[in-house]
Amino acid sequence: MNDLQTLRAALIPAEPAQDVVDRSRHRLQNRMLAAPRRRRVRPLAIGAGLVAAAAAAAVVVTTLPGALAPTPPPQAVAPVDAGRQILLAAATVAERTAAGTGKYWHVTTKVGKESWEYWTTTDGREWYRTARTGGKAVPENRPRPYRLTGAALTLSQILVLPTDPAALKDWLAKGLADNKYPAKQRDMAALESLVSLVSTVPSPPAVRAAAFRAIADYPGVHALGTVPGGEGVQLPGGGRLVVDPETGKVDGSSVFLKDDGTPATNAAGDTYAVSAEWTDTLPK
């Protein structure tokens, strides 16, 4: 052996024995089998899992017993005109007011500088007083019925008028049709009759209340504000009422019927001041 061979033998160790190699390989295999496997988790799978979990939670929450339903957005409500409210308030008061009693139904009407009064018994006999009678109550020559537009009624008929607003208006419309009143004018004529039922006709409480409510249902009714005698109410067609909601009475009206049942008007536009009540006294 020369010097190079001697140096090579010193630097390279001898190969291990075969049994050592076998034991080492066996230990490595056992370690590899016992180690847990690591899985690659894709980011997309994580995101999908979170979304699915959130959706499941939402389903659970919304199906729990007693869970509150979503609040719907507020609905726009059309305002109710104060004029209609005044009439409905008067109807409620009129309905609760006891029917008046007396020997004469006394109606006083004033417009501008003029005034006139009537006293009517339950059987239709009548007395009247105007500036021409010199302050005396003068009897009419023949019985005078109570007037609605296009109709003449006895007190017995007035007492049994419909007490439902729609039925009352239908009753008036039928009467106007039967009397050949022009079709285009019947709706306003019915309104004029309703005004008479709350102002100048001795209507029983339930009929007065129905008339107030029927007037309130007309389009174009609106408040005019506080005026002498009560609250002013504008009616369709240009008519006006002055209503006291606390007593349920009409203290003024620009719709007044003459003896022939047609509306009386004042050229100056003056509002008729109307008062009506039962009384036992007849002026001398």
Protein backbone atom coordinates (compact mmCIF):
# COMPACT_ATOMS: atom_id res chain seq x y z
CA MET A 1 0.00 0.00 0.00
CA ASN A 2 1.47 3.37 -1.03
CA ASP A 3 0.94 6.69 0.67
CA LEU A 4 -2.27 7.64 -1.37
CA GLN A 5 -4.00 4.39 -0.56
CA THR A 6 -3.15 4.82 3.13
CA LEU A 7 -4.68 8.40 3.15
CA ARG A 8 -7.87 7.22 1.35
CA ALA A 9 -8.42 4.42 3.90
CA ALA A 10 -8.12 6.91 6.75
CA LEU A 11 -10.68 9.46 5.30
CA ILE A 12 -13.44 7.03 4.14
CA PRO A 13 -15.06 5.13 7.02
CA ALA A 14 -15.87 1.50 6.68
CA GLU A 15 -19.48 0.68 5.46
CA PRO A 16 -21.92 -0.30 8.26
CA ALA A 17 -22.94 -3.87 8.76
CA GLN A 18 -26.07 -5.13 7.02
CA ASP A 19 -28.08 -5.63 10.23
CA VAL A 20 -27.50 -1.97 11.17
CA VAL A 21 -28.82 -0.85 7.79
CA ASP A 22 -31.90 -3.03 8.15
CA ARG A 23 -32.78 -1.67 11.62
CA SER A 24 -32.42 1.93 10.51
CA ARG A 25 -34.66 1.42 7.45
CA HIS A 26 -37.28 -0.26 9.65
CA ARG A 27 -37.37 2.67 12.13
CA LEU A 28 -37.78 5.18 9.28
CA GLN A 29 -40.72 3.29 7.81
CA ASN A 30 -42.47 3.13 11.22
CA ARG A 31 -42.04 6.90 11.72
CA MET A 32 -43.44 7.66 8.29
CA LEU A 33 -46.52 5.50 8.91
CA ALA A 34 -47.26 7.09 12.31
CA ALA A 35 -47.03 10.79 11.15
CA PRO A 36 -50.46 12.58 10.42
CA ARG A 37 -51.20 13.54 6.85
CA ARG A 38 -51.45 17.29 6.17
CA ARG A 39 -54.27 18.34 3.79
CA ARG A 40 -54.07 21.28 1.50
CA VAL A 41 -57.04 23.60 2.19
CA ARG A 42 -58.07 25.79 -0.67
CA PRO A 43 -59.07 29.36 0.21
CA LEU A 44 -62.19 29.09 -2.01
CA ALA A 45 -63.49 26.17 0.03
CA ILE A 46 -63.13 28.19 3.27
CA GLY A 47 -65.10 31.12 1.82
CA ALA A 48 -67.90 28.90 0.56
CA GLY A 49 -68.17 27.24 3.96
CA LEU A 50 -68.54 30.59 5.74
CA VAL A 51 -71.27 31.73 3.33
CA ALA A 52 -73.17 28.48 3.79
CA ALA A 53 -72.90 28.76 7.57
CA ALA A 54 -74.16 32.34 7.52
CA ALA A 55 -77.13 31.38 5.35
CA ALA A 56 -78.02 28.52 7.68
CA ALA A 57 -77.88 30.87 10.67
CA ALA A 58 -80.19 33.33 8.94
CA VAL A 59 -82.71 30.56 8.29
CA VAL A 60 -82.64 29.53 11.93
CA VAL A 61 -83.18 33.09 13.16
CA THR A 62 -86.12 33.85 10.88
CA THR A 63 -87.90 30.61 11.67
CA LEU A 64 -87.65 30.81 15.45
CA PRO A 65 -91.08 30.93 17.18
CA GLY A 66 -92.13 34.48 18.08
CA ALA A 67 -89.63 36.10 15.76
CA LEU A 68 -90.72 39.60 14.72
CA ALA A 69 -91.64 40.08 11.07
CA PRO A 70 -89.92 42.89 9.20
CA THR A 71 -91.70 46.21 9.67
CA PRO A 72 -93.29 47.32 6.38
CA PRO A 73 -92.65 50.87 5.20
CA PRO A 74 -95.26 53.39 6.37
CA GLN A 75 -98.20 53.89 4.03
CA ALA A 76 -99.24 57.38 3.00
CA VAL A 77 -102.65 58.25 4.53
CA ALA A 78 -104.82 60.88 2.93
CA PRO A 79 -105.67 63.60 5.47
CA VAL A 80 -109.31 63.92 6.54
CA ASP A 81 -110.63 67.44 6.00
CA ALA A 82 -111.72 69.23 9.16
CA GLY A 83 -115.07 70.05 7.56
CA ARG A 84 -115.94 66.36 7.36
CA GLN A 85 -114.82 65.87 10.96
CA ILE A 86 -117.10 68.73 12.09
CA LEU A 87 -120.12 67.13 10.41
CA LEU A 88 -119.33 63.68 11.84
CA ALA A 89 -118.94 65.17 15.33
CA ALA A 90 -122.31 66.91 14.96
CA ALA A 91 -123.84 63.59 13.87
CA THR A 92 -122.58 61.86 17.01
CA VAL A 93 -124.01 64.59 19.25
CA ALA A 94 -127.33 64.67 17.36
CA GLU A 95 -127.70 60.91 17.70
CA ARG A 96 -127.29 61.11 21.49
CA THR A 97 -129.66 64.04 21.92
CA ALA A 98 -133.21 63.32 23.01
CA ALA A 99 -135.95 64.21 20.56
CA GLY A 100 -137.61 67.53 21.24
CA THR A 101 -141.28 67.88 22.11
CA GLY A 102 -143.80 70.67 21.79
CA LYS A 103 -146.99 71.80 20.14
CA TYR A 104 -145.33 73.83 17.38
CA TRP A 105 -142.22 73.42 15.26
CA HIS A 106 -140.78 76.94 15.22
CA VAL A 107 -138.33 77.98 12.49
CA THR A 108 -136.66 81.40 12.38
CA THR A 109 -134.72 82.48 9.32
CA LYS A 110 -132.72 85.68 8.98
CA VAL A 111 -130.77 86.96 6.01
CA GLY A 112 -129.45 90.48 5.72
CA LYS A 113 -132.15 92.79 7.11
CA GLU A 114 -134.96 90.34 6.47
CA SER A 115 -136.41 87.73 8.79
CA TRP A 116 -139.39 85.42 8.86
CA GLU A 117 -140.78 82.80 11.24
CA TYR A 118 -143.08 79.82 10.98
CA TRP A 119 -144.96 77.80 13.60
CA THR A 120 -146.24 74.45 12.37
CA THR A 121 -148.33 71.92 14.28
CA THR A 122 -147.90 68.18 13.93
CA ASP A 123 -150.96 68.03 11.65
CA GLY A 124 -149.59 70.71 9.28
CA ARG A 125 -151.44 73.83 10.43
CA GLU A 126 -149.16 76.83 10.21
CA TRP A 127 -148.71 80.43 11.30
CA TYR A 128 -146.10 82.83 9.96
CA ARG A 129 -144.67 86.21 10.91
CA THR A 130 -142.73 88.61 8.69
CA ALA A 131 -142.17 92.36 8.49
CA ARG A 132 -145.44 92.60 6.55
CA THR A 133 -147.55 91.11 9.35
CA GLY A 134 -146.72 93.90 11.79
CA GLY A 135 -145.19 91.52 14.35
CA LYS A 136 -148.25 89.28 14.50
CA ALA A 137 -148.41 85.53 13.79
CA VAL A 138 -150.85 85.07 10.91
CA PRO A 139 -152.42 81.68 10.12
CA GLU A 140 -151.99 80.12 6.70
CA ASN A 141 -155.17 79.42 4.75
CA ARG A 142 -154.43 75.70 4.36
CA PRO A 143 -152.16 73.08 5.94
CA ARG A 144 -148.55 73.38 4.80
CA PRO A 145 -146.37 70.25 4.57
CA TYR A 146 -142.69 70.12 5.40
CA ARG A 147 -140.59 70.66 2.31
CA LEU A 148 -137.63 68.82 0.91
CA THR A 149 -136.35 69.41 -2.62
CA GLY A 150 -139.08 68.20 -4.94
CA ALA A 151 -141.08 66.59 -2.12
CA ALA A 152 -143.65 67.48 0.52
CA LEU A 153 -143.72 65.37 3.69
CA THR A 154 -145.92 65.07 6.73
CA LEU A 155 -144.38 64.78 10.18
CA SER A 156 -145.36 61.09 10.27
CA GLN A 157 -143.32 60.47 7.11
CA ILE A 158 -140.32 62.38 8.47
CA LEU A 159 -140.29 60.29 11.64
CA VAL A 160 -139.81 57.04 9.66
CA LEU A 161 -137.12 58.21 7.23
CA PRO A 162 -134.06 55.90 6.88
CA THR A 163 -131.44 56.26 9.59
CA ASP A 164 -128.57 54.85 7.51
CA PRO A 165 -126.71 57.57 5.50
CA ALA A 166 -126.58 55.59 2.25
CA ALA A 167 -130.19 54.42 2.58
CA LEU A 168 -131.35 57.97 3.32
CA LYS A 169 -129.59 59.32 0.25
CA ASP A 170 -131.04 56.50 -1.87
CA TRP A 171 -134.53 57.32 -0.55
CA LEU A 172 -134.11 60.96 -1.56
CA ALA A 173 -132.74 60.01 -4.98
CA LYS A 174 -135.72 57.73 -5.63
CA GLY A 175 -138.15 60.48 -4.66
CA LEU A 176 -136.45 62.93 -7.01
CA ALA A 177 -136.57 60.39 -9.84
CA ASP A 178 -140.25 59.63 -9.19
CA ASN A 179 -141.01 63.35 -9.33
CA LYS A 180 -139.21 63.65 -12.70
CA TYR A 181 -136.49 65.88 -11.28
CA PRO A 182 -133.74 66.46 -13.91
CA ALA A 183 -131.20 63.63 -13.65
CA LYS A 184 -128.17 65.93 -13.75
CA GLN A 185 -129.49 67.91 -10.79
CA ARG A 186 -130.55 65.06 -8.51
CA ASP A 187 -127.28 64.71 -6.64
CA MET A 188 -127.21 68.38 -5.62
CA ALA A 189 -130.96 68.33 -4.96
CA ALA A 190 -130.43 65.42 -2.56
CA LEU A 191 -127.72 67.45 -0.82
CA GLU A 192 -130.13 70.38 -0.41
CA SER A 193 -132.71 68.04 1.13
CA LEU A 194 -130.10 66.67 3.54
CA VAL A 195 -129.30 70.23 4.61
CA SER A 196 -132.99 70.83 5.26
CA LEU A 197 -133.14 67.68 7.41
CA VAL A 198 -130.44 69.07 9.71
CA SER A 199 -131.66 72.68 9.76
CA THR A 200 -135.34 73.44 9.07
CA VAL A 201 -137.19 70.11 9.23
CA PRO A 202 -138.15 68.47 12.59
CA SER A 203 -136.08 65.34 11.98
CA PRO A 204 -135.73 62.82 14.82
CA PRO A 205 -132.20 62.39 16.24
CA ALA A 206 -131.27 59.28 14.23
CA VAL A 207 -132.40 60.87 10.94
CA ARG A 208 -130.48 64.09 11.71
CA ALA A 209 -127.36 62.03 12.42
CA ALA A 210 -127.76 60.10 9.15
CA ALA A 211 -128.19 63.36 7.23
CA PHE A 212 -125.03 64.85 8.75
CA ARG A 213 -123.05 61.75 7.80
CA ALA A 214 -124.46 61.69 4.28
CA ILE A 215 -123.45 65.35 3.81
CA ALA A 216 -119.96 64.54 5.10
CA ASP A 217 -119.55 61.89 2.37
CA TYR A 218 -119.94 64.43 -0.44
CA PRO A 219 -116.67 65.33 -2.18
CA GLY A 220 -115.68 68.96 -1.84
CA VAL A 221 -116.71 69.36 1.81
CA HIS A 222 -114.10 71.35 3.73
CA ALA A 223 -113.78 73.59 6.76
CA LEU A 224 -114.00 77.39 6.53
CA GLY A 225 -112.86 78.06 10.10
CA THR A 226 -114.62 79.40 13.17
CA VAL A 227 -117.41 81.89 12.43
CA PRO A 228 -120.19 83.44 14.56
CA GLY A 229 -122.44 80.60 15.69
CA GLY A 230 -119.99 77.73 15.23
CA GLU A 231 -117.75 76.22 12.56
CA GLY A 232 -118.15 77.10 8.90
CA VAL A 233 -118.34 74.21 6.42
CA GLN A 234 -118.13 74.67 2.65
CA LEU A 235 -120.41 72.40 0.62
CA PRO A 236 -120.07 71.37 -3.02
CA GLY A 237 -121.95 73.72 -5.30
CA GLY A 238 -121.15 76.80 -3.21
CA GLY A 239 -123.46 76.16 -0.26
CA ARG A 240 -122.34 76.77 3.31
CA LEU A 241 -123.31 75.52 6.75
CA VAL A 242 -122.56 76.91 10.19
CA VAL A 243 -122.48 73.96 12.58
CA ASP A 244 -122.04 73.85 16.33
CA PRO A 245 -120.28 70.48 16.90
CA GLU A 246 -120.98 70.61 20.65
CA THR A 247 -124.77 70.81 20.27
CA GLY A 248 -125.15 69.15 16.86
CA LYS A 249 -127.18 72.10 15.57
CA VAL A 250 -127.00 74.08 12.38
CA ASP A 251 -126.94 77.78 13.25
CA GLY A 252 -126.67 79.08 9.74
CA SER A 253 -127.19 77.90 6.22
CA SER A 254 -126.94 79.37 2.75
CA VAL A 255 -129.14 76.56 1.44
CA PHE A 256 -132.77 77.30 2.27
CA LEU A 257 -135.84 76.02 0.43
CA LYS A 258 -138.78 78.15 -0.61
CA ASP A 259 -142.38 76.95 -0.52
CA ASP A 260 -142.02 75.29 -3.92
CA GLY A 261 -138.98 73.31 -2.72
CA THR A 262 -136.40 75.24 -4.76
CA PRO A 263 -133.29 76.77 -3.12
CA ALA A 264 -133.66 80.38 -1.97
CA THR A 265 -130.68 82.62 -2.69
CA ASN A 266 -129.59 86.08 -1.66
CA ALA A 267 -128.12 88.35 -4.33
CA ALA A 268 -125.68 89.83 -1.82
CA GLY A 269 -124.44 86.36 -0.82
CA ASP A 270 -125.67 86.70 2.77
CA THR A 271 -125.68 83.53 4.86
CA TYR A 272 -129.06 82.47 6.17
CA ALA A 273 -129.15 82.28 9.95
CA VAL A 274 -131.46 79.43 10.85
CA SER A 275 -132.76 78.28 14.20
CA ALA A 276 -135.42 75.66 14.77
CA GLU A 277 -136.97 74.14 17.88
CA TRP A 278 -140.13 72.74 19.36
CA THR A 279 -142.18 75.14 21.45
CA ASP A 280 -145.59 75.32 23.14
CA THR A 281 -145.93 79.07 22.65
CA LEU A 282 -147.58 80.84 19.74
CA PRO A 283 -147.25 84.66 19.54
CA LYS A 284 -150.51 86.65 19.87
